[in-house]
Each structure stands twice: as C-alpha cells, then as structure tokens.
C-alpha cells in the first residue's frame, strides 16, 4: 500500500478484517493521502465485499488477505481454512460479479493478483529450485490452505475467464512485520534479552525476500503481468535458519552493543511438526519477462530491517505487550 500510493501514485482501497496481526499504524505513512481509503471488511462476508467493489470500482485487485503463520495453523487450522479458502472463493466470486456487471468496461485491463507462497510446493532436496510448474506437495495446514486457494484462483480463470495471475513468493521480511515471524521475533527477543529459539538443528533453509522488493514485483504484475499465468518471486538469498539468526546477532552487536554478544541467547528447541527442510525459488521468468530484480541482498536487507526495529519501538512495543514472543506449534 505504501509503495502503490507514495511511489506510484495509485488510488487504492484497503479491505482488512484487522485480526491479531492487522495494524493500522503500518499504514500511517499513507493514511492521510487523498489516494488512500480503508474499510474494515472480512473477505468471507460476501455482501460487504460486493458493496466495496461496487462503490470503489477498481481496475484490479491484489489479494494478500490470508492467515499466514505455520505455527498457528498447526494449533488452529480452522481459521486458515475459513480465510484462505472460503475468503478467496468469496473474493473471486465478487470480482467475477463485478466484471460481469458495472465493471464490465474494465475487463480488458483488469487483473486479479492472487498472492501465494513457495510452501505449497513442499520440501526440496539439497539441490534444485521450485519453478512455476513444480507439482504441489503442501506439508502444513497453512500451506495446504494456500495450495487450495491457488487452485481456486486458477479454476476461476480457466472456467470463467477471470483475469487471474498467481504469484508464489519466498519468505518475506522487513519493516512492519508482526513479531511472530522469525526475523522480527529474533530482533525483539534479543533487544529484550530473551532466548532466541531455533527449531531443530537450525539447518532448515529458506529463500528470503525483502518486503519492498516484493511490493515492487506485485506492482509490476498488476501493470504488466499476463493473466492466466504464474510467477515466482524470490530473493535468491538461501540461508539456513541458524545463519539468519547469526546475521541478526552480528548486526545487533555492531548497532546496539549493549547486551552483546547476542549469540549467547541462541537456543535450540523441539522442531515443529511437518517442518519442510528447504525452499528455493527460480524467479527467472519474472526477471526475464518483466525485468524485475531484487534490489536487496540478504545482508543489506537484514541491516535495514534491524535498523528499522531499533528506530521504531513506538510501532512494536504495543504489539509486544500483547504478543510477547513465545514460539508456538511445537509437538506436544
């Protein structure tokens, strides 16, 4: 939203239910813009979504609304099925109704960007990359719910001609991320002298994508992506989880030496069930067809992220008062 409004001058409407991870403080930089509007809407509520589309008359939709945290999906999968499957179905149907009605004149330029994850592909071996044609093999309730929503989006394109584009991205990180996710959790735990819990042996590998790079990619898909196709969005920055935590500690040792060395806080905890060993995306299609490149390396992205959390305690302290950094989803 900040990229679309501040950098590109788009006029946007945000629909958000504002569940536990929703935070309007993240929209403060654009909240006062005349190009920005907000409605508190649950995407599972058909009539609310229909009315919002009718009133705003969009030229496109970027569908990011989802339950996303794997640990929470293990403990409470029902919310993931409801939001990620029923919510996606409701939004697809609302978009179809809009384009068949008052939005008919916008059909040729309209795009529905369905934002998904690399986790739908399951676990990679030591070599190779996920491509846009890799078979789905989800391991967690979260990834299964996203796999199902991807299939719905593609079916609505093939059956009804809805101009859908599916994107599968790697692990996002950066400013404004709710502190249940690995990187902000490690930063804030370290700042408060709390343990830095690492699942299993810390050898699980993820490809990391700085959030601003992802935002730029989504804007490109909205403007020039080909409906009916899929694009992988990755940072080409594979790292083991233990390496991620070590990099955060290195940054904090230099930027906030009080409390260093932060590596002393690292600890290993029981692995979570169904923990995929490795993800890595081949994003050459997006690079080749639309000219996108990730601008941040892992090192520069982590540096920016750590600095942001150091500077923005006003944003994260209210969240830590509610969510104190416990890791959930381990075997019981």
C-alpha atoms as a PDB file:
ATOM      1  CA  UNK A   1       0.000   0.000   0.000  1.00  0.00           C
ATOM      2  CA  UNK A   2       2.797   2.411   0.876  1.00  0.00           C
ATOM      3  CA  UNK A   3       4.548   1.654  -2.430  1.00  0.00           C
ATOM      4  CA  UNK A   4       1.399   1.977  -4.551  1.00  0.00           C
ATOM      5  CA  UNK A   5       0.355   5.301  -3.021  1.00  0.00           C
ATOM      6  CA  UNK A   6       3.659   7.023  -2.201  1.00  0.00           C
ATOM      7  CA  UNK A   7       5.861   5.806  -5.061  1.00  0.00           C
ATOM      8  CA  UNK A   8       3.410   5.136  -7.902  1.00  0.00           C
ATOM      9  CA  UNK A   9       0.504   7.486  -7.177  1.00  0.00           C
ATOM     10  CA  UNK A  10      -2.197   4.825  -7.243  1.00  0.00           C
ATOM     11  CA  UNK A  11      -5.613   5.396  -5.714  1.00  0.00           C
ATOM     12  CA  UNK A  12      -6.318   2.372  -3.520  1.00  0.00           C
ATOM     13  CA  UNK A  13      -8.936   0.921  -1.212  1.00  0.00           C
ATOM     14  CA  UNK A  14      -7.731  -1.424   1.538  1.00  0.00           C
ATOM     15  CA  UNK A  15     -10.061  -4.126   2.827  1.00  0.00           C
ATOM     16  CA  UNK A  16      -8.818  -5.638   6.091  1.00  0.00           C
ATOM     17  CA  UNK A  17     -10.534  -7.507   8.906  1.00  0.00           C
ATOM     18  CA  UNK A  18      -7.837  -6.332  11.341  1.00  0.00           C
ATOM     19  CA  UNK A  19      -7.293  -9.638  13.096  1.00  0.00           C
ATOM     20  CA  UNK A  20      -4.474 -10.028  15.643  1.00  0.00           C
ATOM     21  CA  UNK A  21      -1.733  -9.177  13.111  1.00  0.00           C
ATOM     22  CA  UNK A  22      -3.597  -6.293  11.477  1.00  0.00           C
ATOM     23  CA  UNK A  23      -2.238  -2.904  12.482  1.00  0.00           C
ATOM     24  CA  UNK A  24      -3.382   0.387  11.018  1.00  0.00           C
ATOM     25  CA  UNK A  25      -0.207   2.002  12.404  1.00  0.00           C
ATOM     26  CA  UNK A  26       1.581   0.329   9.493  1.00  0.00           C
ATOM     27  CA  UNK A  27      -0.495   2.484   7.132  1.00  0.00           C
ATOM     28  CA  UNK A  28       0.306   5.760   8.879  1.00  0.00           C
ATOM     29  CA  UNK A  29       2.624   6.998   6.071  1.00  0.00           C
ATOM     30  CA  UNK A  30      -0.280   6.949   3.568  1.00  0.00           C
ATOM     31  CA  UNK A  31      -3.362   7.200   5.800  1.00  0.00           C
ATOM     32  CA  UNK A  32      -3.800  10.934   5.190  1.00  0.00           C
ATOM     33  CA  UNK A  33      -3.316  10.705   1.425  1.00  0.00           C
ATOM     34  CA  UNK A  34      -6.372  11.555  -0.702  1.00  0.00           C
ATOM     35  CA  UNK A  35      -5.448   8.476  -2.765  1.00  0.00           C
ATOM     36  CA  UNK A  36      -5.964   6.136   0.180  1.00  0.00           C
ATOM     37  CA  UNK A  37      -9.119   4.725   1.726  1.00  0.00           C
ATOM     38  CA  UNK A  38      -9.754   1.929   4.206  1.00  0.00           C
ATOM     39  CA  UNK A  39     -12.692  -0.296   5.131  1.00  0.00           C
ATOM     40  CA  UNK A  40     -12.747  -2.859   7.899  1.00  0.00           C
ATOM     41  CA  UNK A  41     -14.092  -5.846   5.975  1.00  0.00           C
ATOM     42  CA  UNK A  42     -13.877  -9.618   6.351  1.00  0.00           C
ATOM     43  CA  UNK A  43     -13.282 -11.090   2.883  1.00  0.00           C
ATOM     44  CA  UNK A  44     -15.521 -14.011   3.864  1.00  0.00           C
ATOM     45  CA  UNK A  45     -18.506 -11.620   4.059  1.00  0.00           C
ATOM     46  CA  UNK A  46     -19.926 -11.722   0.544  1.00  0.00           C
ATOM     47  CA  UNK A  47     -22.160  -8.673   0.689  1.00  0.00           C
ATOM     48  CA  UNK A  48     -19.532  -6.424   2.294  1.00  0.00           C
ATOM     49  CA  UNK A  49     -17.013  -7.334  -0.384  1.00  0.00           C
ATOM     50  CA  UNK A  50     -19.560  -6.879  -3.173  1.00  0.00           C
ATOM     51  CA  UNK A  51     -20.549  -3.437  -1.923  1.00  0.00           C
ATOM     52  CA  UNK A  52     -16.921  -2.364  -1.572  1.00  0.00           C
ATOM     53  CA  UNK A  53     -16.087  -3.344  -5.154  1.00  0.00           C
ATOM     54  CA  UNK A  54     -19.223  -1.701  -6.496  1.00  0.00           C
ATOM     55  CA  UNK A  55     -18.557   1.585  -4.714  1.00  0.00           C
ATOM     56  CA  UNK A  56     -14.822   1.782  -5.422  1.00  0.00           C
ATOM     57  CA  UNK A  57     -14.892   0.388  -8.994  1.00  0.00           C
ATOM     58  CA  UNK A  58     -11.313  -0.947  -9.041  1.00  0.00           C
ATOM     59  CA  UNK A  59      -9.125  -1.569 -12.074  1.00  0.00           C
ATOM     60  CA  UNK A  60      -7.514  -4.517 -10.291  1.00  0.00           C
ATOM     61  CA  UNK A  61      -7.231  -6.460  -7.049  1.00  0.00           C
ATOM     62  CA  UNK A  62      -4.144  -7.584  -5.158  1.00  0.00           C
ATOM     63  CA  UNK A  63      -5.316 -10.382  -2.878  1.00  0.00           C
ATOM     64  CA  UNK A  64      -2.949 -10.552   0.096  1.00  0.00           C
ATOM     65  CA  UNK A  65      -5.527 -11.284   2.800  1.00  0.00           C
ATOM     66  CA  UNK A  66      -4.621 -14.573   4.497  1.00  0.00           C
ATOM     67  CA  UNK A  67      -3.779 -16.360   7.690  1.00  0.00           C
ATOM     68  CA  UNK A  68      -0.058 -16.917   7.189  1.00  0.00           C
ATOM     69  CA  UNK A  69       1.757 -18.292  10.227  1.00  0.00           C
ATOM     70  CA  UNK A  70       2.588 -22.001  10.008  1.00  0.00           C
ATOM     71  CA  UNK A  71       2.830 -22.459  13.781  1.00  0.00           C
ATOM     72  CA  UNK A  72      -0.660 -21.052  14.307  1.00  0.00           C
ATOM     73  CA  UNK A  73      -2.040 -23.284  11.546  1.00  0.00           C
ATOM     74  CA  UNK A  74      -0.836 -26.332  13.464  1.00  0.00           C
ATOM     75  CA  UNK A  75      -2.665 -25.294  16.615  1.00  0.00           C
ATOM     76  CA  UNK A  76      -5.751 -23.802  14.926  1.00  0.00           C
ATOM     77  CA  UNK A  77      -6.243 -24.855  11.311  1.00  0.00           C
ATOM     78  CA  UNK A  78      -9.909 -23.821  11.162  1.00  0.00           C
ATOM     79  CA  UNK A  79      -9.104 -20.110  10.774  1.00  0.00           C
ATOM     80  CA  UNK A  80      -6.794 -20.934   7.866  1.00  0.00           C
ATOM     81  CA  UNK A  81      -9.421 -22.941   6.018  1.00  0.00           C
ATOM     82  CA  UNK A  82     -12.014 -20.226   6.550  1.00  0.00           C
ATOM     83  CA  UNK A  83      -9.932 -17.225   5.474  1.00  0.00           C
ATOM     84  CA  UNK A  84      -7.632 -18.757   2.877  1.00  0.00           C
ATOM     85  CA  UNK A  85     -10.183 -20.960   1.119  1.00  0.00           C
ATOM     86  CA  UNK A  86     -13.644 -19.515   1.792  1.00  0.00           C
ATOM     87  CA  UNK A  87     -12.284 -15.963   1.756  1.00  0.00           C
ATOM     88  CA  UNK A  88     -10.539 -16.481  -1.564  1.00  0.00           C
ATOM     89  CA  UNK A  89     -13.666 -18.071  -3.049  1.00  0.00           C
ATOM     90  CA  UNK A  90     -15.764 -15.132  -1.856  1.00  0.00           C
ATOM     91  CA  UNK A  91     -13.354 -12.574  -3.301  1.00  0.00           C
ATOM     92  CA  UNK A  92     -13.114 -14.415  -6.628  1.00  0.00           C
ATOM     93  CA  UNK A  93     -16.885 -14.541  -6.912  1.00  0.00           C
ATOM     94  CA  UNK A  94     -17.201 -10.866  -6.008  1.00  0.00           C
ATOM     95  CA  UNK A  95     -14.649  -9.943  -8.673  1.00  0.00           C
ATOM     96  CA  UNK A  96     -16.458 -12.101 -11.232  1.00  0.00           C
ATOM     97  CA  UNK A  97     -19.783 -10.470 -10.412  1.00  0.00           C
ATOM     98  CA  UNK A  98     -18.230  -7.015 -10.639  1.00  0.00           C
ATOM     99  CA  UNK A  99     -16.672  -7.680 -14.059  1.00  0.00           C
ATOM    100  CA  UNK A 100     -19.926  -9.167 -15.344  1.00  0.00           C
ATOM    101  CA  UNK A 101     -21.800  -6.070 -14.133  1.00  0.00           C
ATOM    102  CA  UNK A 102     -20.780  -2.486 -13.512  1.00  0.00           C
ATOM    103  CA  UNK A 103     -17.084  -3.242 -14.073  1.00  0.00           C
ATOM    104  CA  UNK A 104     -17.591  -4.797 -17.493  1.00  0.00           C
ATOM    105  CA  UNK A 105     -15.835  -1.945 -19.288  1.00  0.00           C
ATOM    106  CA  UNK A 106     -12.675  -2.646 -17.292  1.00  0.00           C
ATOM    107  CA  UNK A 107     -12.393  -6.326 -18.188  1.00  0.00           C
ATOM    108  CA  UNK A 108      -9.578  -5.898 -20.721  1.00  0.00           C
ATOM    109  CA  UNK A 109      -7.272  -4.081 -18.280  1.00  0.00           C
ATOM    110  CA  UNK A 110      -8.369  -5.756 -15.030  1.00  0.00           C
ATOM    111  CA  UNK A 111      -6.040  -8.103 -13.139  1.00  0.00           C
ATOM    112  CA  UNK A 112      -6.690 -10.188 -10.028  1.00  0.00           C
ATOM    113  CA  UNK A 113      -3.310 -10.852  -8.384  1.00  0.00           C
ATOM    114  CA  UNK A 114      -3.571 -13.881  -6.089  1.00  0.00           C
ATOM    115  CA  UNK A 115      -0.553 -13.759  -3.762  1.00  0.00           C
ATOM    116  CA  UNK A 116       0.641 -17.148  -2.563  1.00  0.00           C
ATOM    117  CA  UNK A 117       3.693 -18.870  -1.111  1.00  0.00           C
ATOM    118  CA  UNK A 118       6.531 -21.218  -2.009  1.00  0.00           C
ATOM    119  CA  UNK A 119       5.351 -23.506   0.794  1.00  0.00           C
ATOM    120  CA  UNK A 120       2.678 -25.023  -1.486  1.00  0.00           C
ATOM    121  CA  UNK A 121       5.467 -26.956  -3.246  1.00  0.00           C
ATOM    122  CA  UNK A 122       6.578 -28.875  -0.166  1.00  0.00           C
ATOM    123  CA  UNK A 123      10.213 -29.605   0.646  1.00  0.00           C
ATOM    124  CA  UNK A 124      13.193 -29.516  -1.726  1.00  0.00           C
ATOM    125  CA  UNK A 125      16.233 -31.715  -1.548  1.00  0.00           C
ATOM    126  CA  UNK A 126      19.727 -30.290  -1.298  1.00  0.00           C
ATOM    127  CA  UNK A 127      19.718 -29.111  -4.924  1.00  0.00           C
ATOM    128  CA  UNK A 128      17.234 -27.715  -7.412  1.00  0.00           C
ATOM    129  CA  UNK A 129      14.675 -24.907  -7.422  1.00  0.00           C
ATOM    130  CA  UNK A 130      10.895 -24.646  -7.436  1.00  0.00           C
ATOM    131  CA  UNK A 131       9.598 -23.462 -10.815  1.00  0.00           C
ATOM    132  CA  UNK A 132       6.149 -22.265 -11.817  1.00  0.00           C
ATOM    133  CA  UNK A 133       5.324 -25.826 -12.959  1.00  0.00           C
ATOM    134  CA  UNK A 134       6.540 -27.713  -9.867  1.00  0.00           C
ATOM    135  CA  UNK A 135       3.877 -30.100  -8.537  1.00  0.00           C
ATOM    136  CA  UNK A 136       2.177 -29.084  -5.304  1.00  0.00           C
ATOM    137  CA  UNK A 137       3.006 -31.058  -2.164  1.00  0.00           C
ATOM    138  CA  UNK A 138       1.974 -28.994   0.910  1.00  0.00           C
ATOM    139  CA  UNK A 139       3.032 -30.167   4.371  1.00  0.00           C
ATOM    140  CA  UNK A 140       1.197 -27.926   6.871  1.00  0.00           C
ATOM    141  CA  UNK A 141      -2.410 -26.788   7.294  1.00  0.00           C
ATOM    142  CA  UNK A 142      -1.230 -23.328   6.240  1.00  0.00           C
ATOM    143  CA  UNK A 143       0.419 -24.458   3.012  1.00  0.00           C
ATOM    144  CA  UNK A 144      -2.483 -26.806   2.227  1.00  0.00           C
ATOM    145  CA  UNK A 145      -4.956 -23.945   2.589  1.00  0.00           C
ATOM    146  CA  UNK A 146      -2.854 -21.753   0.300  1.00  0.00           C
ATOM    147  CA  UNK A 147      -2.494 -24.576  -2.229  1.00  0.00           C
ATOM    148  CA  UNK A 148      -6.266 -24.916  -2.270  1.00  0.00           C
ATOM    149  CA  UNK A 149      -6.740 -21.186  -2.798  1.00  0.00           C
ATOM    150  CA  UNK A 150      -4.233 -21.242  -5.680  1.00  0.00           C
ATOM    151  CA  UNK A 151      -6.271 -23.972  -7.349  1.00  0.00           C
ATOM    152  CA  UNK A 152      -9.465 -21.965  -6.881  1.00  0.00           C
ATOM    153  CA  UNK A 153      -7.879 -18.880  -8.443  1.00  0.00           C
ATOM    154  CA  UNK A 154      -6.672 -20.833 -11.475  1.00  0.00           C
ATOM    155  CA  UNK A 155     -10.029 -22.589 -11.849  1.00  0.00           C
ATOM    156  CA  UNK A 156     -11.866 -19.243 -11.891  1.00  0.00           C
ATOM    157  CA  UNK A 157      -9.525 -18.093 -14.642  1.00  0.00           C
ATOM    158  CA  UNK A 158      -9.964 -21.209 -16.737  1.00  0.00           C
ATOM    159  CA  UNK A 159     -13.706 -21.676 -16.207  1.00  0.00           C
ATOM    160  CA  UNK A 160     -14.966 -18.102 -16.026  1.00  0.00           C
ATOM    161  CA  UNK A 161     -12.210 -16.164 -17.760  1.00  0.00           C
ATOM    162  CA  UNK A 162     -11.409 -14.117 -14.679  1.00  0.00           C
ATOM    163  CA  UNK A 163      -8.047 -12.386 -15.400  1.00  0.00           C
ATOM    164  CA  UNK A 164      -6.127 -14.051 -12.569  1.00  0.00           C
ATOM    165  CA  UNK A 165      -2.371 -14.025 -12.021  1.00  0.00           C
ATOM    166  CA  UNK A 166      -0.920 -16.282  -9.304  1.00  0.00           C
ATOM    167  CA  UNK A 167       2.331 -15.338  -7.601  1.00  0.00           C
ATOM    168  CA  UNK A 168       4.309 -17.629  -5.302  1.00  0.00           C
ATOM    169  CA  UNK A 169       6.826 -15.793  -3.152  1.00  0.00           C
ATOM    170  CA  UNK A 170       9.552 -16.835  -0.750  1.00  0.00           C
ATOM    171  CA  UNK A 171       9.804 -15.787   2.919  1.00  0.00           C
ATOM    172  CA  UNK A 172       9.160 -12.071   3.315  1.00  0.00           C
ATOM    173  CA  UNK A 173      10.901  -9.924   5.901  1.00  0.00           C
ATOM    174  CA  UNK A 174      11.463  -6.245   6.619  1.00  0.00           C
ATOM    175  CA  UNK A 175       9.821  -3.314   8.437  1.00  0.00           C
ATOM    176  CA  UNK A 176       6.324  -3.546   9.920  1.00  0.00           C
ATOM    177  CA  UNK A 177       6.284  -7.371  10.170  1.00  0.00           C
ATOM    178  CA  UNK A 178       4.246  -8.818  13.025  1.00  0.00           C
ATOM    179  CA  UNK A 179       6.724 -10.176  15.591  1.00  0.00           C
ATOM    180  CA  UNK A 180       5.611 -13.809  15.485  1.00  0.00           C
ATOM    181  CA  UNK A 181       7.712 -14.291  12.325  1.00  0.00           C
ATOM    182  CA  UNK A 182      11.320 -15.451  12.634  1.00  0.00           C
ATOM    183  CA  UNK A 183      13.276 -12.284  11.867  1.00  0.00           C
ATOM    184  CA  UNK A 184      11.335  -9.699  13.909  1.00  0.00           C
ATOM    185  CA  UNK A 185      10.954 -12.248  16.706  1.00  0.00           C
ATOM    186  CA  UNK A 186      14.709 -12.742  16.901  1.00  0.00           C
ATOM    187  CA  UNK A 187      15.407  -8.998  16.773  1.00  0.00           C
ATOM    188  CA  UNK A 188      12.951  -8.099  19.514  1.00  0.00           C
ATOM    189  CA  UNK A 189      13.812 -11.067  21.740  1.00  0.00           C
ATOM    190  CA  UNK A 190      17.473 -10.091  21.511  1.00  0.00           C
ATOM    191  CA  UNK A 191      16.745  -6.459  22.376  1.00  0.00           C
ATOM    192  CA  UNK A 192      14.856  -7.623  25.457  1.00  0.00           C
ATOM    193  CA  UNK A 193      17.500 -10.195  26.480  1.00  0.00           C
ATOM    194  CA  UNK A 194      15.182 -13.147  25.824  1.00  0.00           C
ATOM    195  CA  UNK A 195      16.182 -16.530  24.323  1.00  0.00           C
ATOM    196  CA  UNK A 196      16.448 -16.828  20.551  1.00  0.00           C
ATOM    197  CA  UNK A 197      14.697 -20.193  19.949  1.00  0.00           C
ATOM    198  CA  UNK A 198      15.754 -22.082  16.821  1.00  0.00           C
ATOM    199  CA  UNK A 199      13.782 -25.103  15.669  1.00  0.00           C
ATOM    200  CA  UNK A 200      15.563 -28.459  15.407  1.00  0.00           C
ATOM    201  CA  UNK A 201      19.199 -28.183  14.352  1.00  0.00           C
ATOM    202  CA  UNK A 202      18.722 -24.795  12.662  1.00  0.00           C
ATOM    203  CA  UNK A 203      19.505 -26.329   9.270  1.00  0.00           C
ATOM    204  CA  UNK A 204      16.166 -25.620   7.564  1.00  0.00           C
ATOM    205  CA  UNK A 205      16.792 -23.452   4.505  1.00  0.00           C
ATOM    206  CA  UNK A 206      14.620 -20.616   3.219  1.00  0.00           C
ATOM    207  CA  UNK A 207      14.946 -18.098   0.421  1.00  0.00           C
ATOM    208  CA  UNK A 208      14.459 -14.594   1.863  1.00  0.00           C
ATOM    209  CA  UNK A 209      12.711 -11.723   0.058  1.00  0.00           C
ATOM    210  CA  UNK A 210      12.845  -8.141   1.336  1.00  0.00           C
ATOM    211  CA  UNK A 211       9.312  -6.785   1.534  1.00  0.00           C
ATOM    212  CA  UNK A 212       9.978  -3.711  -0.635  1.00  0.00           C
ATOM    213  CA  UNK A 213      11.267  -5.952  -3.426  1.00  0.00           C
ATOM    214  CA  UNK A 214       8.072  -7.996  -3.181  1.00  0.00           C
ATOM    215  CA  UNK A 215       5.926  -4.852  -3.318  1.00  0.00           C
ATOM    216  CA  UNK A 216       7.705  -3.731  -6.491  1.00  0.00           C
ATOM    217  CA  UNK A 217       7.109  -7.143  -8.062  1.00  0.00           C
ATOM    218  CA  UNK A 218       3.394  -7.107  -7.267  1.00  0.00           C
ATOM    219  CA  UNK A 219       3.020  -3.660  -8.778  1.00  0.00           C
ATOM    220  CA  UNK A 220       4.680  -4.933 -11.958  1.00  0.00           C
ATOM    221  CA  UNK A 221       2.276  -7.868 -12.106  1.00  0.00           C
ATOM    222  CA  UNK A 222      -0.655  -5.502 -11.701  1.00  0.00           C
ATOM    223  CA  UNK A 223       0.602  -3.328 -14.537  1.00  0.00           C
ATOM    224  CA  UNK A 224       2.113  -5.821 -16.997  1.00  0.00           C
ATOM    225  CA  UNK A 225       1.597  -9.403 -15.784  1.00  0.00           C
ATOM    226  CA  UNK A 226      -0.035 -11.879 -18.153  1.00  0.00           C
ATOM    227  CA  UNK A 227      -3.443 -13.121 -16.923  1.00  0.00           C
ATOM    228  CA  UNK A 228      -3.670 -16.882 -16.691  1.00  0.00           C
ATOM    229  CA  UNK A 229      -0.007 -17.286 -15.743  1.00  0.00           C
ATOM    230  CA  UNK A 230       2.044 -17.849 -12.590  1.00  0.00           C
ATOM    231  CA  UNK A 231       5.160 -16.014 -11.449  1.00  0.00           C
ATOM    232  CA  UNK A 232       7.650 -16.974  -8.749  1.00  0.00           C
ATOM    233  CA  UNK A 233       9.019 -14.077  -6.676  1.00  0.00           C
ATOM    234  CA  UNK A 234      12.214 -14.893  -4.787  1.00  0.00           C
ATOM    235  CA  UNK A 235      15.207 -13.100  -3.386  1.00  0.00           C
ATOM    236  CA  UNK A 236      17.885 -15.603  -4.490  1.00  0.00           C
ATOM    237  CA  UNK A 237      19.148 -15.492  -0.904  1.00  0.00           C
ATOM    238  CA  UNK A 238      19.037 -19.009   0.508  1.00  0.00           C
ATOM    239  CA  UNK A 239      20.095 -19.178   4.145  1.00  0.00           C
ATOM    240  CA  UNK A 240      19.868 -21.747   6.918  1.00  0.00           C
ATOM    241  CA  UNK A 241      17.739 -20.562   9.830  1.00  0.00           C
ATOM    242  CA  UNK A 242      20.756 -20.572  12.105  1.00  0.00           C
ATOM    243  CA  UNK A 243      22.593 -18.326   9.634  1.00  0.00           C
ATOM    244  CA  UNK A 244      19.671 -15.895   9.673  1.00  0.00           C
ATOM    245  CA  UNK A 245      19.810 -15.640  13.456  1.00  0.00           C
ATOM    246  CA  UNK A 246      23.592 -15.283  13.420  1.00  0.00           C
ATOM    247  CA  UNK A 247      23.364 -12.433  10.882  1.00  0.00           C
ATOM    248  CA  UNK A 248      20.847 -10.642  13.086  1.00  0.00           C
ATOM    249  CA  UNK A 249      23.169 -11.045  16.070  1.00  0.00           C
ATOM    250  CA  UNK A 250      26.127  -9.683  14.082  1.00  0.00           C
ATOM    251  CA  UNK A 251      24.113  -6.572  13.162  1.00  0.00           C
ATOM    252  CA  UNK A 252      22.932  -6.029  16.724  1.00  0.00           C
ATOM    253  CA  UNK A 253      26.430  -6.500  18.127  1.00  0.00           C
ATOM    254  CA  UNK A 254      27.533  -3.585  15.965  1.00  0.00           C
ATOM    255  CA  UNK A 255      24.444  -1.357  16.098  1.00  0.00           C
ATOM    256  CA  UNK A 256      23.385  -1.958  19.711  1.00  0.00           C
ATOM    257  CA  UNK A 257      26.476  -3.273  21.550  1.00  0.00           C
ATOM    258  CA  UNK A 258      24.752  -3.058  24.924  1.00  0.00           C
ATOM    259  CA  UNK A 259      23.759  -6.674  25.558  1.00  0.00           C
ATOM    260  CA  UNK A 260      26.261  -8.164  23.132  1.00  0.00           C
ATOM    261  CA  UNK A 261      27.289 -10.739  22.193  1.00  0.00           C
ATOM    262  CA  UNK A 262      23.711 -11.621  21.297  1.00  0.00           C
ATOM    263  CA  UNK A 263      24.753 -15.083  20.103  1.00  0.00           C
ATOM    264  CA  UNK A 264      24.758 -16.146  23.771  1.00  0.00           C
ATOM    265  CA  UNK A 265      20.937 -16.016  23.660  1.00  0.00           C
ATOM    266  CA  UNK A 266      20.636 -18.612  20.882  1.00  0.00           C
ATOM    267  CA  UNK A 267      18.966 -21.863  21.916  1.00  0.00           C
ATOM    268  CA  UNK A 268      17.636 -24.952  20.136  1.00  0.00           C
ATOM    269  CA  UNK A 269      14.065 -26.137  20.729  1.00  0.00           C
ATOM    270  CA  UNK A 270      11.964 -29.094  19.589  1.00  0.00           C
ATOM    271  CA  UNK A 271      11.257 -28.949  15.870  1.00  0.00           C
ATOM    272  CA  UNK A 272       7.737 -28.223  14.722  1.00  0.00           C
ATOM    273  CA  UNK A 273       5.724 -30.995  13.026  1.00  0.00           C
ATOM    274  CA  UNK A 274       5.985 -31.220   9.238  1.00  0.00           C
ATOM    275  CA  UNK A 275       8.849 -28.734   9.075  1.00  0.00           C
ATOM    276  CA  UNK A 276       9.994 -28.657   5.427  1.00  0.00           C
ATOM    277  CA  UNK A 277      13.764 -28.798   5.071  1.00  0.00           C
ATOM    278  CA  UNK A 278      14.408 -26.443   2.169  1.00  0.00           C
ATOM    279  CA  UNK A 279      12.624 -23.959  -0.095  1.00  0.00           C
ATOM    280  CA  UNK A 280      14.203 -22.138  -3.037  1.00  0.00           C
ATOM    281  CA  UNK A 281      12.517 -20.398  -5.971  1.00  0.00           C
ATOM    282  CA  UNK A 282      13.513 -19.979  -9.587  1.00  0.00           C
ATOM    283  CA  UNK A 283      12.299 -16.435 -10.335  1.00  0.00           C
ATOM    284  CA  UNK A 284      13.927 -16.166 -13.776  1.00  0.00           C
ATOM    285  CA  UNK A 285      10.521 -15.940 -15.518  1.00  0.00           C
ATOM    286  CA  UNK A 286       9.655 -12.717 -13.671  1.00  0.00           C
ATOM    287  CA  UNK A 287      13.157 -11.374 -14.250  1.00  0.00           C
ATOM    288  CA  UNK A 288      13.096 -12.252 -17.933  1.00  0.00           C
ATOM    289  CA  UNK A 289       9.555 -11.195 -18.863  1.00  0.00           C
ATOM    290  CA  UNK A 290       9.052  -8.109 -16.690  1.00  0.00           C
ATOM    291  CA  UNK A 291      12.612  -7.039 -15.923  1.00  0.00           C
ATOM    292  CA  UNK A 292      12.230  -7.323 -12.150  1.00  0.00           C
ATOM    293  CA  UNK A 293      15.275  -7.816  -9.948  1.00  0.00           C
ATOM    294  CA  UNK A 294      15.524  -7.995  -6.180  1.00  0.00           C
ATOM    295  CA  UNK A 295      17.395  -4.849  -5.155  1.00  0.00           C
ATOM    296  CA  UNK A 296      18.345  -6.009  -1.667  1.00  0.00           C
ATOM    297  CA  UNK A 297      20.877  -8.664  -0.823  1.00  0.00           C
ATOM    298  CA  UNK A 298      20.271 -10.632   2.357  1.00  0.00           C
ATOM    299  CA  UNK A 299      22.935  -8.625   4.163  1.00  0.00           C
ATOM    300  CA  UNK A 300      21.604  -5.204   3.126  1.00  0.00           C
ATOM    301  CA  UNK A 301      18.017  -6.252   3.811  1.00  0.00           C
ATOM    302  CA  UNK A 302      18.796  -7.540   7.299  1.00  0.00           C
ATOM    303  CA  UNK A 303      20.754  -4.366   8.063  1.00  0.00           C
ATOM    304  CA  UNK A 304      17.788  -2.187   7.035  1.00  0.00           C
ATOM    305  CA  UNK A 305      15.393  -4.376   8.992  1.00  0.00           C
ATOM    306  CA  UNK A 306      17.418  -4.334  12.216  1.00  0.00           C
ATOM    307  CA  UNK A 307      17.870  -0.569  11.983  1.00  0.00           C
ATOM    308  CA  UNK A 308      14.129  -0.090  11.453  1.00  0.00           C
ATOM    309  CA  UNK A 309      13.199  -2.089  14.555  1.00  0.00           C
ATOM    310  CA  UNK A 310      15.833  -0.233  16.569  1.00  0.00           C
ATOM    311  CA  UNK A 311      14.359   3.087  15.462  1.00  0.00           C
ATOM    312  CA  UNK A 312      10.663   2.183  15.667  1.00  0.00           C
ATOM    313  CA  UNK A 313       9.972   0.956  19.178  1.00  0.00           C
ATOM    314  CA  UNK A 314       6.858   3.151  19.003  1.00  0.00           C
ATOM    315  CA  UNK A 315       5.479   0.667  16.449  1.00  0.00           C
ATOM    316  CA  UNK A 316       6.479  -2.650  18.028  1.00  0.00           C
ATOM    317  CA  UNK A 317       6.218  -2.038  21.774  1.00  0.00           C
ATOM    318  CA  UNK A 318       2.380  -2.021  21.780  1.00  0.00           C
ATOM    319  CA  UNK A 319       2.427  -5.345  19.902  1.00  0.00           C
ATOM    320  CA  UNK A 320       4.907  -6.931  22.315  1.00  0.00           C
ATOM    321  CA  UNK A 321       2.621  -6.000  25.170  1.00  0.00           C
ATOM    322  CA  UNK A 322       0.098  -8.430  23.652  1.00  0.00           C
ATOM    323  CA  UNK A 323       2.371 -10.948  21.898  1.00  0.00           C
ATOM    324  CA  UNK A 324       5.490 -11.487  23.986  1.00  0.00           C
ATOM    325  CA  UNK A 325       7.455 -13.633  21.585  1.00  0.00           C
ATOM    326  CA  UNK A 326       6.517 -17.181  22.501  1.00  0.00           C
ATOM    327  CA  UNK A 327       7.072 -19.771  19.784  1.00  0.00           C
ATOM    328  CA  UNK A 328       4.022 -21.938  19.199  1.00  0.00           C
ATOM    329  CA  UNK A 329       3.280 -25.015  17.164  1.00  0.00           C
ATOM    330  CA  UNK A 330       5.914 -27.415  18.529  1.00  0.00           C
ATOM    331  CA  UNK A 331       4.998 -31.028  19.295  1.00  0.00           C
ATOM    332  CA  UNK A 332       3.017 -31.517  22.461  1.00  0.00           C
END
